Amino acid sequence: GQSAVNAAMGKTGLTYILGANGPNAYDCSSLVKYAYSTVGITLPRVSRDQWSATTRISKADLQPGDLIFYSNNGTRSGIYHVAMYTGPGMRVHAANPRKGILHEKIYWENTIIGFGRVS
């Protein structure tokens, strides 16, 4: 997990473009896919499929590299965003076109549907 975090952190400051696959711009799920590819793990391209490809864990069990999923309707079908947990209270993610790729505090919004561990 930490090696994938390091790869994602190396992209902070870059641009968010929906549908981009790097190397100079990413969207949320392509950043996660890229980070895990650097450690030899292939993940699906979109956040809904990344949800299905990870093991559910609790908030209390979060470790660096675990994924945080956001849903607009509380179900898998509403998943619209994924971020990577980096350590206590922090995440790295391709936030949006205005903010780009950031390392920032996790805001525990009610849109967080759950957490996933890549195995």
PDB file of N, CA and C in Angstrom:
ATOM      1  N   GLY A   1       0.789  -1.202   0.000  1.00  0.00           N
ATOM      2  CA  GLY A   1       0.000   0.000   0.000  1.00  0.00           C
ATOM      3  C   GLY A   1       0.836   1.274   0.000  1.00  0.00           C
ATOM      4  N   GLN A   2       1.881   1.310   0.827  1.00  0.00           N
ATOM      5  CA  GLN A   2       2.674   2.533   0.927  1.00  0.00           C
ATOM      6  C   GLN A   2       3.384   2.852  -0.383  1.00  0.00           C
ATOM      7  N   SER A   3       3.837   1.848  -1.113  1.00  0.00           N
ATOM      8  CA  SER A   3       4.499   2.103  -2.402  1.00  0.00           C
ATOM      9  C   SER A   3       3.522   2.706  -3.403  1.00  0.00           C
ATOM     10  N   ALA A   4       2.281   2.249  -3.401  1.00  0.00           N
ATOM     11  CA  ALA A   4       1.261   2.835  -4.274  1.00  0.00           C
ATOM     12  C   ALA A   4       0.969   4.268  -3.848  1.00  0.00           C
ATOM     13  N   VAL A   5       0.915   4.522  -2.548  1.00  0.00           N
ATOM     14  CA  VAL A   5       0.728   5.887  -2.043  1.00  0.00           C
ATOM     15  C   VAL A   5       1.855   6.778  -2.550  1.00  0.00           C
ATOM     16  N   ASN A   6       3.085   6.292  -2.457  1.00  0.00           N
ATOM     17  CA  ASN A   6       4.221   7.088  -2.906  1.00  0.00           C
ATOM     18  C   ASN A   6       4.097   7.449  -4.380  1.00  0.00           C
ATOM     19  N   ALA A   7       3.637   6.502  -5.196  1.00  0.00           N
ATOM     20  CA  ALA A   7       3.457   6.766  -6.629  1.00  0.00           C
ATOM     21  C   ALA A   7       2.391   7.835  -6.851  1.00  0.00           C
ATOM     22  N   ALA A   8       1.276   7.721  -6.136  1.00  0.00           N
ATOM     23  CA  ALA A   8       0.212   8.725  -6.266  1.00  0.00           C
ATOM     24  C   ALA A   8       0.681  10.088  -5.773  1.00  0.00           C
ATOM     25  N   MET A   9       1.414  10.105  -4.678  1.00  0.00           N
ATOM     26  CA  MET A   9       1.914  11.368  -4.128  1.00  0.00           C
ATOM     27  C   MET A   9       2.849  12.064  -5.115  1.00  0.00           C
ATOM     28  N   GLY A  10       3.536  11.279  -5.925  1.00  0.00           N
ATOM     29  CA  GLY A  10       4.414  11.847  -6.930  1.00  0.00           C
ATOM     30  C   GLY A  10       3.676  12.597  -8.024  1.00  0.00           C
ATOM     31  N   LYS A  11       2.367  12.447  -8.075  1.00  0.00           N
ATOM     32  CA  LYS A  11       1.545  13.121  -9.091  1.00  0.00           C
ATOM     33  C   LYS A  11       0.812  14.340  -8.536  1.00  0.00           C
ATOM     34  N   THR A  12       0.999  14.656  -7.247  1.00  0.00           N
ATOM     35  CA  THR A  12       0.317  15.825  -6.692  1.00  0.00           C
ATOM     36  C   THR A  12       0.732  17.070  -7.462  1.00  0.00           C
ATOM     37  N   GLY A  13      -0.221  17.955  -7.630  1.00  0.00           N
ATOM     38  CA  GLY A  13       0.009  19.182  -8.366  1.00  0.00           C
ATOM     39  C   GLY A  13      -0.352  19.092  -9.839  1.00  0.00           C
ATOM     40  N   LEU A  14      -0.522  17.862 -10.336  1.00  0.00           N
ATOM     41  CA  LEU A  14      -0.907  17.709 -11.740  1.00  0.00           C
ATOM     42  C   LEU A  14      -2.389  18.019 -11.924  1.00  0.00           C
ATOM     43  N   THR A  15      -2.807  18.034 -13.172  1.00  0.00           N
ATOM     44  CA  THR A  15      -4.149  18.415 -13.562  1.00  0.00           C
ATOM     45  C   THR A  15      -5.121  17.242 -13.491  1.00  0.00           C
ATOM     46  N   TYR A  16      -6.374  17.544 -13.124  1.00  0.00           N
ATOM     47  CA  TYR A  16      -7.479  16.596 -13.220  1.00  0.00           C
ATOM     48  C   TYR A  16      -8.174  16.843 -14.555  1.00  0.00           C
ATOM     49  N   ILE A  17      -8.301  15.774 -15.326  1.00  0.00           N
ATOM     50  CA  ILE A  17      -9.132  15.817 -16.532  1.00  0.00           C
ATOM     51  C   ILE A  17      -9.949  14.530 -16.543  1.00  0.00           C
ATOM     52  N   LEU A  18     -11.273  14.648 -16.587  1.00  0.00           N
ATOM     53  CA  LEU A  18     -12.138  13.478 -16.625  1.00  0.00           C
ATOM     54  C   LEU A  18     -11.765  12.610 -17.820  1.00  0.00           C
ATOM     55  N   GLY A  19     -11.505  11.336 -17.563  1.00  0.00           N
ATOM     56  CA  GLY A  19     -11.160  10.396 -18.614  1.00  0.00           C
ATOM     57  C   GLY A  19      -9.671  10.322 -18.934  1.00  0.00           C
ATOM     58  N   ALA A  20      -8.869  11.199 -18.333  1.00  0.00           N
ATOM     59  CA  ALA A  20      -7.424  11.191 -18.598  1.00  0.00           C
ATOM     60  C   ALA A  20      -6.761   9.978 -17.957  1.00  0.00           C
ATOM     61  N   ASN A  21      -5.706   9.499 -18.586  1.00  0.00           N
ATOM     62  CA  ASN A  21      -4.990   8.317 -18.099  1.00  0.00           C
ATOM     63  C   ASN A  21      -3.505   8.574 -17.870  1.00  0.00           C
ATOM     64  N   GLY A  22      -3.102   9.829 -17.680  1.00  0.00           N
ATOM     65  CA  GLY A  22      -1.702  10.148 -17.424  1.00  0.00           C
ATOM     66  C   GLY A  22      -0.916  10.294 -18.708  1.00  0.00           C
ATOM     67  N   PRO A  23       0.337  10.595 -18.671  1.00  0.00           N
ATOM     68  CA  PRO A  23       1.125  10.783 -17.441  1.00  0.00           C
ATOM     69  C   PRO A  23       1.055  12.182 -16.847  1.00  0.00           C
ATOM     70  N   ASN A  24       0.434  13.139 -17.536  1.00  0.00           N
ATOM     71  CA  ASN A  24       0.431  14.517 -17.042  1.00  0.00           C
ATOM     72  C   ASN A  24      -0.920  14.975 -16.502  1.00  0.00           C
ATOM     73  N   ALA A  25      -1.933  14.156 -16.630  1.00  0.00           N
ATOM     74  CA  ALA A  25      -3.266  14.457 -16.094  1.00  0.00           C
ATOM     75  C   ALA A  25      -3.974  13.135 -15.805  1.00  0.00           C
ATOM     76  N   TYR A  26      -4.801  13.152 -14.776  1.00  0.00           N
ATOM     77  CA  TYR A  26      -5.541  11.957 -14.348  1.00  0.00           C
ATOM     78  C   TYR A  26      -6.926  12.367 -13.887  1.00  0.00           C
ATOM     79  N   ASP A  27      -7.824  11.372 -13.817  1.00  0.00           N
ATOM     80  CA  ASP A  27      -9.040  11.559 -13.032  1.00  0.00           C
ATOM     81  C   ASP A  27      -8.872  10.658 -11.804  1.00  0.00           C
ATOM     82  N   CYS A  28      -9.873  10.618 -10.940  1.00  0.00           N
ATOM     83  CA  CYS A  28      -9.684   9.934  -9.657  1.00  0.00           C
ATOM     84  C   CYS A  28      -9.322   8.459  -9.815  1.00  0.00           C
ATOM     85  N   SER A  29     -10.054   7.755 -10.655  1.00  0.00           N
ATOM     86  CA  SER A  29      -9.820   6.314 -10.761  1.00  0.00           C
ATOM     87  C   SER A  29      -8.559   5.993 -11.562  1.00  0.00           C
ATOM     88  N   SER A  30      -8.203   6.830 -12.533  1.00  0.00           N
ATOM     89  CA  SER A  30      -6.976   6.545 -13.278  1.00  0.00           C
ATOM     90  C   SER A  30      -5.749   6.794 -12.416  1.00  0.00           C
ATOM     91  N   LEU A  31      -5.824   7.734 -11.462  1.00  0.00           N
ATOM     92  CA  LEU A  31      -4.715   7.942 -10.532  1.00  0.00           C
ATOM     93  C   LEU A  31      -4.507   6.699  -9.677  1.00  0.00           C
ATOM     94  N   VAL A  32      -5.594   6.136  -9.162  1.00  0.00           N
ATOM     95  CA  VAL A  32      -5.514   4.911  -8.350  1.00  0.00           C
ATOM     96  C   VAL A  32      -4.983   3.758  -9.197  1.00  0.00           C
ATOM     97  N   LYS A  33      -5.510   3.616 -10.399  1.00  0.00           N
ATOM     98  CA  LYS A  33      -5.054   2.550 -11.302  1.00  0.00           C
ATOM     99  C   LYS A  33      -3.567   2.692 -11.580  1.00  0.00           C
ATOM    100  N   TYR A  34      -3.110   3.906 -11.876  1.00  0.00           N
ATOM    101  CA  TYR A  34      -1.692   4.159 -12.124  1.00  0.00           C
ATOM    102  C   TYR A  34      -0.851   3.792 -10.897  1.00  0.00           C
ATOM    103  N   ALA A  35      -1.245   4.282  -9.724  1.00  0.00           N
ATOM    104  CA  ALA A  35      -0.455   4.062  -8.512  1.00  0.00           C
ATOM    105  C   ALA A  35      -0.253   2.577  -8.246  1.00  0.00           C
ATOM    106  N   TYR A  36      -1.313   1.805  -8.392  1.00  0.00           N
ATOM    107  CA  TYR A  36      -1.183   0.368  -8.153  1.00  0.00           C
ATOM    108  C   TYR A  36      -0.434  -0.344  -9.274  1.00  0.00           C
ATOM    109  N   SER A  37      -0.478   0.181 -10.487  1.00  0.00           N
ATOM    110  CA  SER A  37       0.275  -0.442 -11.588  1.00  0.00           C
ATOM    111  C   SER A  37       1.775  -0.367 -11.331  1.00  0.00           C
ATOM    112  N   THR A  38       2.216   0.645 -10.581  1.00  0.00           N
ATOM    113  CA  THR A  38       3.648   0.786 -10.298  1.00  0.00           C
ATOM    114  C   THR A  38       4.157  -0.304  -9.364  1.00  0.00           C
ATOM    115  N   VAL A  39       3.248  -1.000  -8.699  1.00  0.00           N
ATOM    116  CA  VAL A  39       3.641  -2.111  -7.825  1.00  0.00           C
ATOM    117  C   VAL A  39       3.152  -3.450  -8.380  1.00  0.00           C
ATOM    118  N   GLY A  40       2.809  -3.452  -9.668  1.00  0.00           N
ATOM    119  CA  GLY A  40       2.472  -4.703 -10.338  1.00  0.00           C
ATOM    120  C   GLY A  40       1.053  -5.191 -10.138  1.00  0.00           C
ATOM    121  N   ILE A  41       0.168  -4.321  -9.671  1.00  0.00           N
ATOM    122  CA  ILE A  41      -1.223  -4.708  -9.453  1.00  0.00           C
ATOM    123  C   ILE A  41      -2.096  -3.997 -10.481  1.00  0.00           C
ATOM    124  N   THR A  42      -2.917  -4.766 -11.182  1.00  0.00           N
ATOM    125  CA  THR A  42      -3.818  -4.209 -12.184  1.00  0.00           C
ATOM    126  C   THR A  42      -5.203  -4.045 -11.572  1.00  0.00           C
ATOM    127  N   LEU A  43      -5.698  -2.828 -11.598  1.00  0.00           N
ATOM    128  CA  LEU A  43      -7.055  -2.536 -11.123  1.00  0.00           C
ATOM    129  C   LEU A  43      -7.906  -2.118 -12.311  1.00  0.00           C
ATOM    130  N   PRO A  44      -9.218  -2.273 -12.194  1.00  0.00           N
ATOM    131  CA  PRO A  44     -10.112  -1.782 -13.245  1.00  0.00           C
ATOM    132  C   PRO A  44      -9.977  -0.262 -13.401  1.00  0.00           C
ATOM    133  N   ARG A  45     -10.471   0.257 -14.502  1.00  0.00           N
ATOM    134  CA  ARG A  45     -10.300   1.672 -14.838  1.00  0.00           C
ATOM    135  C   ARG A  45     -11.232   2.607 -14.078  1.00  0.00           C
ATOM    136  N   VAL A  46     -12.458   2.196 -13.779  1.00  0.00           N
ATOM    137  CA  VAL A  46     -13.419   3.124 -13.175  1.00  0.00           C
ATOM    138  C   VAL A  46     -13.683   2.790 -11.700  1.00  0.00           C
ATOM    139  N   SER A  47     -14.053   3.812 -10.945  1.00  0.00           N
ATOM    140  CA  SER A  47     -14.180   3.664  -9.493  1.00  0.00           C
ATOM    141  C   SER A  47     -15.216   2.615  -9.082  1.00  0.00           C
ATOM    142  N   ARG A  48     -16.327   2.499  -9.786  1.00  0.00           N
ATOM    143  CA  ARG A  48     -17.329   1.474  -9.444  1.00  0.00           C
ATOM    144  C   ARG A  48     -16.727   0.077  -9.544  1.00  0.00           C
ATOM    145  N   ASP A  49     -15.934  -0.143 -10.576  1.00  0.00           N
ATOM    146  CA  ASP A  49     -15.305  -1.458 -10.751  1.00  0.00           C
ATOM    147  C   ASP A  49     -14.162  -1.653  -9.754  1.00  0.00           C
ATOM    148  N   GLN A  50     -13.503  -0.567  -9.359  1.00  0.00           N
ATOM    149  CA  GLN A  50     -12.462  -0.671  -8.328  1.00  0.00           C
ATOM    150  C   GLN A  50     -13.092  -1.072  -6.996  1.00  0.00           C
ATOM    151  N   TRP A  51     -14.296  -0.574  -6.721  1.00  0.00           N
ATOM    152  CA  TRP A  51     -15.045  -0.986  -5.518  1.00  0.00           C
ATOM    153  C   TRP A  51     -15.211  -2.503  -5.521  1.00  0.00           C
ATOM    154  N   SER A  52     -15.634  -3.034  -6.652  1.00  0.00           N
ATOM    155  CA  SER A  52     -15.875  -4.478  -6.745  1.00  0.00           C
ATOM    156  C   SER A  52     -14.586  -5.291  -6.676  1.00  0.00           C
ATOM    157  N   ALA A  53     -13.461  -4.680  -7.019  1.00  0.00           N
ATOM    158  CA  ALA A  53     -12.175  -5.390  -7.053  1.00  0.00           C
ATOM    159  C   ALA A  53     -11.418  -5.314  -5.729  1.00  0.00           C
ATOM    160  N   THR A  54     -12.012  -4.657  -4.722  1.00  0.00           N
ATOM    161  CA  THR A  54     -11.334  -4.525  -3.430  1.00  0.00           C
ATOM    162  C   THR A  54     -12.144  -5.209  -2.336  1.00  0.00           C
ATOM    163  N   THR A  55     -11.470  -5.491  -1.227  1.00  0.00           N
ATOM    164  CA  THR A  55     -12.087  -6.123  -0.073  1.00  0.00           C
ATOM    165  C   THR A  55     -12.574  -5.047   0.882  1.00  0.00           C
ATOM    166  N   ARG A  56     -13.830  -5.137   1.322  1.00  0.00           N
ATOM    167  CA  ARG A  56     -14.384  -4.154   2.260  1.00  0.00           C
ATOM    168  C   ARG A  56     -13.633  -4.218   3.585  1.00  0.00           C
ATOM    169  N   ILE A  57     -13.310  -3.054   4.115  1.00  0.00           N
ATOM    170  CA  ILE A  57     -12.694  -2.932   5.430  1.00  0.00           C
ATOM    171  C   ILE A  57     -13.409  -1.814   6.180  1.00  0.00           C
ATOM    172  N   SER A  58     -13.166  -1.736   7.478  1.00  0.00           N
ATOM    173  CA  SER A  58     -13.788  -0.681   8.281  1.00  0.00           C
ATOM    174  C   SER A  58     -12.887   0.549   8.318  1.00  0.00           C
ATOM    175  N   LYS A  59     -13.471   1.661   8.684  1.00  0.00           N
ATOM    176  CA  LYS A  59     -12.711   2.903   8.846  1.00  0.00           C
ATOM    177  C   LYS A  59     -11.580   2.698   9.858  1.00  0.00           C
ATOM    178  N   ALA A  60     -11.846   1.951  10.910  1.00  0.00           N
ATOM    179  CA  ALA A  60     -10.844   1.710  11.953  1.00  0.00           C
ATOM    180  C   ALA A  60      -9.648   0.899  11.442  1.00  0.00           C
ATOM    181  N   ASP A  61      -9.845   0.147  10.364  1.00  0.00           N
ATOM    182  CA  ASP A  61      -8.781  -0.704   9.829  1.00  0.00           C
ATOM    183  C   ASP A  61      -7.992  -0.058   8.698  1.00  0.00           C
ATOM    184  N   LEU A  62      -8.282   1.223   8.367  1.00  0.00           N
ATOM    185  CA  LEU A  62      -7.597   1.865   7.250  1.00  0.00           C
ATOM    186  C   LEU A  62      -6.084   1.855   7.411  1.00  0.00           C
ATOM    187  N   GLN A  63      -5.409   1.522   6.314  1.00  0.00           N
ATOM    188  CA  GLN A  63      -3.951   1.560   6.232  1.00  0.00           C
ATOM    189  C   GLN A  63      -3.575   2.317   4.961  1.00  0.00           C
ATOM    190  N   PRO A  64      -2.364   2.897   4.902  1.00  0.00           N
ATOM    191  CA  PRO A  64      -1.953   3.590   3.683  1.00  0.00           C
ATOM    192  C   PRO A  64      -2.128   2.699   2.446  1.00  0.00           C
ATOM    193  N   GLY A  65      -2.742   3.286   1.428  1.00  0.00           N
ATOM    194  CA  GLY A  65      -3.015   2.561   0.189  1.00  0.00           C
ATOM    195  C   GLY A  65      -4.435   2.062   0.075  1.00  0.00           C
ATOM    196  N   ASP A  66      -5.171   2.031   1.192  1.00  0.00           N
ATOM    197  CA  ASP A  66      -6.576   1.629   1.126  1.00  0.00           C
ATOM    198  C   ASP A  66      -7.367   2.707   0.386  1.00  0.00           C
ATOM    199  N   LEU A  67      -8.471   2.297  -0.211  1.00  0.00           N
ATOM    200  CA  LEU A  67      -9.259   3.203  -1.034  1.00  0.00           C
ATOM    201  C   LEU A  67     -10.513   3.662  -0.301  1.00  0.00           C
ATOM    202  N   ILE A  68     -10.871   4.916  -0.538  1.00  0.00           N
ATOM    203  CA  ILE A  68     -12.055   5.538   0.048  1.00  0.00           C
ATOM    204  C   ILE A  68     -13.014   5.804  -1.107  1.00  0.00           C
ATOM    205  N   PHE A  69     -14.223   5.275  -1.003  1.00  0.00           N
ATOM    206  CA  PHE A  69     -15.205   5.402  -2.080  1.00  0.00           C
ATOM    207  C   PHE A  69     -16.342   6.337  -1.676  1.00  0.00           C
ATOM    208  N   TYR A  70     -16.802   7.111  -2.645  1.00  0.00           N
ATOM    209  CA  TYR A  70     -17.854   8.101  -2.449  1.00  0.00           C
ATOM    210  C   TYR A  70     -19.017   7.778  -3.386  1.00  0.00           C
ATOM    211  N   SER A  71     -20.228   7.830  -2.856  1.00  0.00           N
ATOM    212  CA  SER A  71     -21.421   7.505  -3.642  1.00  0.00           C
ATOM    213  C   SER A  71     -22.480   8.582  -3.440  1.00  0.00           C
ATOM    214  N   ASN A  72     -23.180   8.927  -4.516  1.00  0.00           N
ATOM    215  CA  ASN A  72     -24.235   9.942  -4.383  1.00  0.00           C
ATOM    216  C   ASN A  72     -25.589   9.349  -4.013  1.00  0.00           C
ATOM    217  N   ASN A  73     -25.665   8.012  -3.905  1.00  0.00           N
ATOM    218  CA  ASN A  73     -26.943   7.411  -3.509  1.00  0.00           C
ATOM    219  C   ASN A  73     -26.789   6.285  -2.483  1.00  0.00           C
ATOM    220  N   GLY A  74     -25.574   6.120  -1.940  1.00  0.00           N
ATOM    221  CA  GLY A  74     -25.349   5.119  -0.911  1.00  0.00           C
ATOM    222  C   GLY A  74     -25.191   3.696  -1.421  1.00  0.00           C
ATOM    223  N   THR A  75     -25.136   3.529  -2.745  1.00  0.00           N
ATOM    224  CA  THR A  75     -24.962   2.191  -3.313  1.00  0.00           C
ATOM    225  C   THR A  75     -23.817   2.207  -4.324  1.00  0.00           C
ATOM    226  N   ARG A  76     -23.408   1.006  -4.744  1.00  0.00           N
ATOM    227  CA  ARG A  76     -22.349   0.874  -5.731  1.00  0.00           C
ATOM    228  C   ARG A  76     -22.678   1.639  -7.012  1.00  0.00           C
ATOM    229  N   SER A  77     -23.931   1.632  -7.415  1.00  0.00           N
ATOM    230  CA  SER A  77     -24.315   2.289  -8.669  1.00  0.00           C
ATOM    231  C   SER A  77     -24.094   3.801  -8.622  1.00  0.00           C
ATOM    232  N   GLY A  78     -24.026   4.361  -7.418  1.00  0.00           N
ATOM    233  CA  GLY A  78     -23.835   5.800  -7.279  1.00  0.00           C
ATOM    234  C   GLY A  78     -22.399   6.228  -7.037  1.00  0.00           C
ATOM    235  N   ILE A  79     -21.468   5.271  -7.041  1.00  0.00           N
ATOM    236  CA  ILE A  79     -20.070   5.623  -6.785  1.00  0.00           C
ATOM    237  C   ILE A  79     -19.580   6.576  -7.872  1.00  0.00           C
ATOM    238  N   TYR A  80     -19.050   7.710  -7.426  1.00  0.00           N
ATOM    239  CA  TYR A  80     -18.591   8.737  -8.371  1.00  0.00           C
ATOM    240  C   TYR A  80     -17.155   9.185  -8.114  1.00  0.00           C
ATOM    241  N   HIS A  81     -16.541   8.732  -7.007  1.00  0.00           N
ATOM    242  CA  HIS A  81     -15.194   9.204  -6.679  1.00  0.00           C
ATOM    243  C   HIS A  81     -14.466   8.173  -5.832  1.00  0.00           C
ATOM    244  N   VAL A  82     -13.137   8.138  -6.002  1.00  0.00           N
ATOM    245  CA  VAL A  82     -12.283   7.292  -5.186  1.00  0.00           C
ATOM    246  C   VAL A  82     -11.050   8.100  -4.802  1.00  0.00           C
ATOM    247  N   ALA A  83     -10.591   7.907  -3.569  1.00  0.00           N
ATOM    248  CA  ALA A  83      -9.381   8.540  -3.062  1.00  0.00           C
ATOM    249  C   ALA A  83      -8.539   7.454  -2.396  1.00  0.00           C
ATOM    250  N   MET A  84      -7.274   7.748  -2.172  1.00  0.00           N
ATOM    251  CA  MET A  84      -6.376   6.797  -1.530  1.00  0.00           C
ATOM    252  C   MET A  84      -5.984   7.332  -0.151  1.00  0.00           C
ATOM    253  N   TYR A  85      -6.180   6.503   0.859  1.00  0.00           N
ATOM    254  CA  TYR A  85      -5.817   6.845   2.229  1.00  0.00           C
ATOM    255  C   TYR A  85      -4.295   6.878   2.337  1.00  0.00           C
ATOM    256  N   THR A  86      -3.758   7.947   2.958  1.00  0.00           N
ATOM    257  CA  THR A  86      -2.300   8.063   3.076  1.00  0.00           C
ATOM    258  C   THR A  86      -1.802   7.973   4.511  1.00  0.00           C
ATOM    259  N   GLY A  87      -2.684   8.072   5.454  1.00  0.00           N
ATOM    260  CA  GLY A  87      -2.295   8.045   6.863  1.00  0.00           C
ATOM    261  C   GLY A  87      -3.329   8.828   7.656  1.00  0.00           C
ATOM    262  N   PRO A  88      -3.163   8.904   8.961  1.00  0.00           N
ATOM    263  CA  PRO A  88      -4.209   9.460   9.818  1.00  0.00           C
ATOM    264  C   PRO A  88      -4.849  10.742   9.283  1.00  0.00           C
ATOM    265  N   GLY A  89      -6.111  10.615   8.878  1.00  0.00           N
ATOM    266  CA  GLY A  89      -6.900  11.756   8.468  1.00  0.00           C
ATOM    267  C   GLY A  89      -6.582  12.345   7.103  1.00  0.00           C
ATOM    268  N   MET A  90      -5.748  11.678   6.300  1.00  0.00           N
ATOM    269  CA  MET A  90      -5.291  12.265   5.036  1.00  0.00           C
ATOM    270  C   MET A  90      -5.569  11.342   3.850  1.00  0.00           C
ATOM    271  N   ARG A  91      -5.695  11.975   2.671  1.00  0.00           N
ATOM    272  CA  ARG A  91      -5.932  11.247   1.427  1.00  0.00           C
ATOM    273  C   ARG A  91      -5.173  11.934   0.293  1.00  0.00           C
ATOM    274  N   VAL A  92      -4.881  11.162  -0.750  1.00  0.00           N
ATOM    275  CA  VAL A  92      -4.392  11.719  -2.005  1.00  0.00           C
ATOM    276  C   VAL A  92      -5.435  11.349  -3.046  1.00  0.00           C
ATOM    277  N   HIS A  93      -5.776  12.327  -3.919  1.00  0.00           N
ATOM    278  CA  HIS A  93      -6.800  12.046  -4.926  1.00  0.00           C
ATOM    279  C   HIS A  93      -6.771  13.101  -6.014  1.00  0.00           C
ATOM    280  N   ALA A  94      -7.299  12.714  -7.148  1.00  0.00           N
ATOM    281  CA  ALA A  94      -7.546  13.671  -8.226  1.00  0.00           C
ATOM    282  C   ALA A  94      -8.910  14.272  -7.912  1.00  0.00           C
ATOM    283  N   ALA A  95      -8.903  15.448  -7.340  1.00  0.00           N
ATOM    284  CA  ALA A  95     -10.100  16.029  -6.745  1.00  0.00           C
ATOM    285  C   ALA A  95     -11.130  16.471  -7.778  1.00  0.00           C
ATOM    286  N   ASN A  96     -10.736  17.382  -8.649  1.00  0.00           N
ATOM    287  CA  ASN A  96     -11.645  17.933  -9.655  1.00  0.00           C
ATOM    288  C   ASN A  96     -10.832  18.829 -10.586  1.00  0.00           C
ATOM    289  N   PRO A  97     -11.438  19.315 -11.681  1.00  0.00           N
ATOM    290  CA  PRO A  97     -10.673  20.133 -12.633  1.00  0.00           C
ATOM    291  C   PRO A  97     -10.090  21.419 -12.032  1.00  0.00           C
ATOM    292  N   ARG A  98     -10.728  21.971 -11.034  1.00  0.00           N
ATOM    293  CA  ARG A  98     -10.256  23.218 -10.431  1.00  0.00           C
ATOM    294  C   ARG A  98      -9.068  22.996  -9.491  1.00  0.00           C
ATOM    295  N   LYS A  99      -9.103  21.889  -8.740  1.00  0.00           N
ATOM    296  CA  LYS A  99      -8.079  21.654  -7.720  1.00  0.00           C
ATOM    297  C   LYS A  99      -6.951  20.728  -8.173  1.00  0.00           C
ATOM    298  N   GLY A 100      -7.220  19.849  -9.127  1.00  0.00           N
ATOM    299  CA  GLY A 100      -6.189  18.907  -9.571  1.00  0.00           C
ATOM    300  C   GLY A 100      -5.945  17.800  -8.559  1.00  0.00           C
ATOM    301  N   ILE A 101      -4.710  17.292  -8.561  1.00  0.00           N
ATOM    302  CA  ILE A 101      -4.340  16.177  -7.684  1.00  0.00           C
ATOM    303  C   ILE A 101      -3.765  16.749  -6.395  1.00  0.00           C
ATOM    304  N   LEU A 102      -4.395  16.361  -5.285  1.00  0.00           N
ATOM    305  CA  LEU A 102      -4.074  16.928  -3.973  1.00  0.00           C
ATOM    306  C   LEU A 102      -3.781  15.870  -2.936  1.00  0.00           C
ATOM    307  N   HIS A 103      -2.962  16.249  -1.961  1.00  0.00           N
ATOM    308  CA  HIS A 103      -2.834  15.496  -0.713  1.00  0.00           C
ATOM    309  C   HIS A 103      -3.470  16.393   0.334  1.00  0.00           C
ATOM    310  N   GLU A 104      -4.565  15.937   0.908  1.00  0.00           N
ATOM    311  CA  GLU A 104      -5.314  16.792   1.825  1.00  0.00           C
ATOM    312  C   GLU A 104      -6.054  15.981   2.874  1.00  0.00           C
ATOM    313  N   LYS A 105      -6.604  16.720   3.834  1.00  0.00           N
ATOM    314  CA  LYS A 105      -7.402  16.148   4.905  1.00  0.00           C
ATOM    315  C   LYS A 105      -8.630  15.432   4.321  1.00  0.00           C
ATOM    316  N   ILE A 106      -9.008  14.344   4.962  1.00  0.00           N
ATOM    317  CA  ILE A 106     -10.253  13.666   4.600  1.00  0.00           C
ATOM    318  C   ILE A 106     -11.390  14.403   5.292  1.00  0.00           C
ATOM    319  N   TYR A 107     -12.361  14.805   4.512  1.00  0.00           N
ATOM    320  CA  TYR A 107     -13.581  15.375   5.074  1.00  0.00           C
ATOM    321  C   TYR A 107     -14.579  14.233   5.118  1.00  0.00           C
ATOM    322  N   TRP A 108     -15.013  13.864   6.302  1.00  0.00           N
ATOM    323  CA  TRP A 108     -15.837  12.666   6.472  1.00  0.00           C
ATOM    324  C   TRP A 108     -17.280  12.943   6.061  1.00  0.00           C
ATOM    325  N   GLU A 109     -17.433  13.227   4.758  1.00  0.00           N
ATOM    326  CA  GLU A 109     -18.748  13.513   4.213  1.00  0.00           C
ATOM    327  C   GLU A 109     -19.666  12.302   4.328  1.00  0.00           C
ATOM    328  N   ASN A 110     -20.953  12.578   4.284  1.00  0.00           N
ATOM    329  CA  ASN A 110     -21.904  11.464   4.315  1.00  0.00           C
ATOM    330  C   ASN A 110     -21.964  10.757   2.963  1.00  0.00           C
ATOM    331  N   THR A 111     -21.173  11.197   1.992  1.00  0.00           N
ATOM    332  CA  THR A 111     -21.138  10.506   0.706  1.00  0.00           C
ATOM    333  C   THR A 111     -20.115   9.375   0.679  1.00  0.00           C
ATOM    334  N   ILE A 112     -19.320   9.225   1.743  1.00  0.00           N
ATOM    335  CA  ILE A 112     -18.402   8.076   1.801  1.00  0.00           C
ATOM    336  C   ILE A 112     -19.251   6.827   1.992  1.00  0.00           C
ATOM    337  N   ILE A 113     -19.124   5.909   1.026  1.00  0.00           N
ATOM    338  CA  ILE A 113     -19.915   4.680   1.090  1.00  0.00           C
ATOM    339  C   ILE A 113     -19.139   3.560   1.783  1.00  0.00           C
ATOM    340  N   GLY A 114     -17.815   3.632   1.726  1.00  0.00           N
ATOM    341  CA  GLY A 114     -17.022   2.587   2.368  1.00  0.00           C
ATOM    342  C   GLY A 114     -15.575   2.635   1.930  1.00  0.00           C
ATOM    343  N   PHE A 115     -14.859   1.603   2.373  1.00  0.00           N
ATOM    344  CA  PHE A 115     -13.423   1.542   2.189  1.00  0.00           C
ATOM    345  C   PHE A 115     -13.034   0.195   1.599  1.00  0.00           C
ATOM    346  N   GLY A 116     -12.005   0.205   0.756  1.00  0.00           N
ATOM    347  CA  GLY A 116     -11.583  -1.029   0.114  1.00  0.00           C
ATOM    348  C   GLY A 116     -10.082  -1.243   0.216  1.00  0.00           C
ATOM    349  N   ARG A 117      -9.707  -2.492   0.389  1.00  0.00           N
ATOM    350  CA  ARG A 117      -8.284  -2.848   0.419  1.00  0.00           C
ATOM    351  C   ARG A 117      -7.957  -3.621  -0.842  1.00  0.00           C
ATOM    352  N   VAL A 118      -6.879  -3.208  -1.481  1.00  0.00           N
ATOM    353  CA  VAL A 118      -6.375  -3.891  -2.670  1.00  0.00           C
ATOM    354  C   VAL A 118      -5.530  -5.063  -2.197  1.00  0.00           C
ATOM    355  N   SER A 119      -5.811  -6.256  -2.763  1.00  0.00           N
ATOM    356  CA  SER A 119      -5.021  -7.422  -2.333  1.00  0.00           C
ATOM    357  C   SER A 119      -4.421  -8.133  -3.519  1.00  0.00           C
TER     358      SER A 119
END
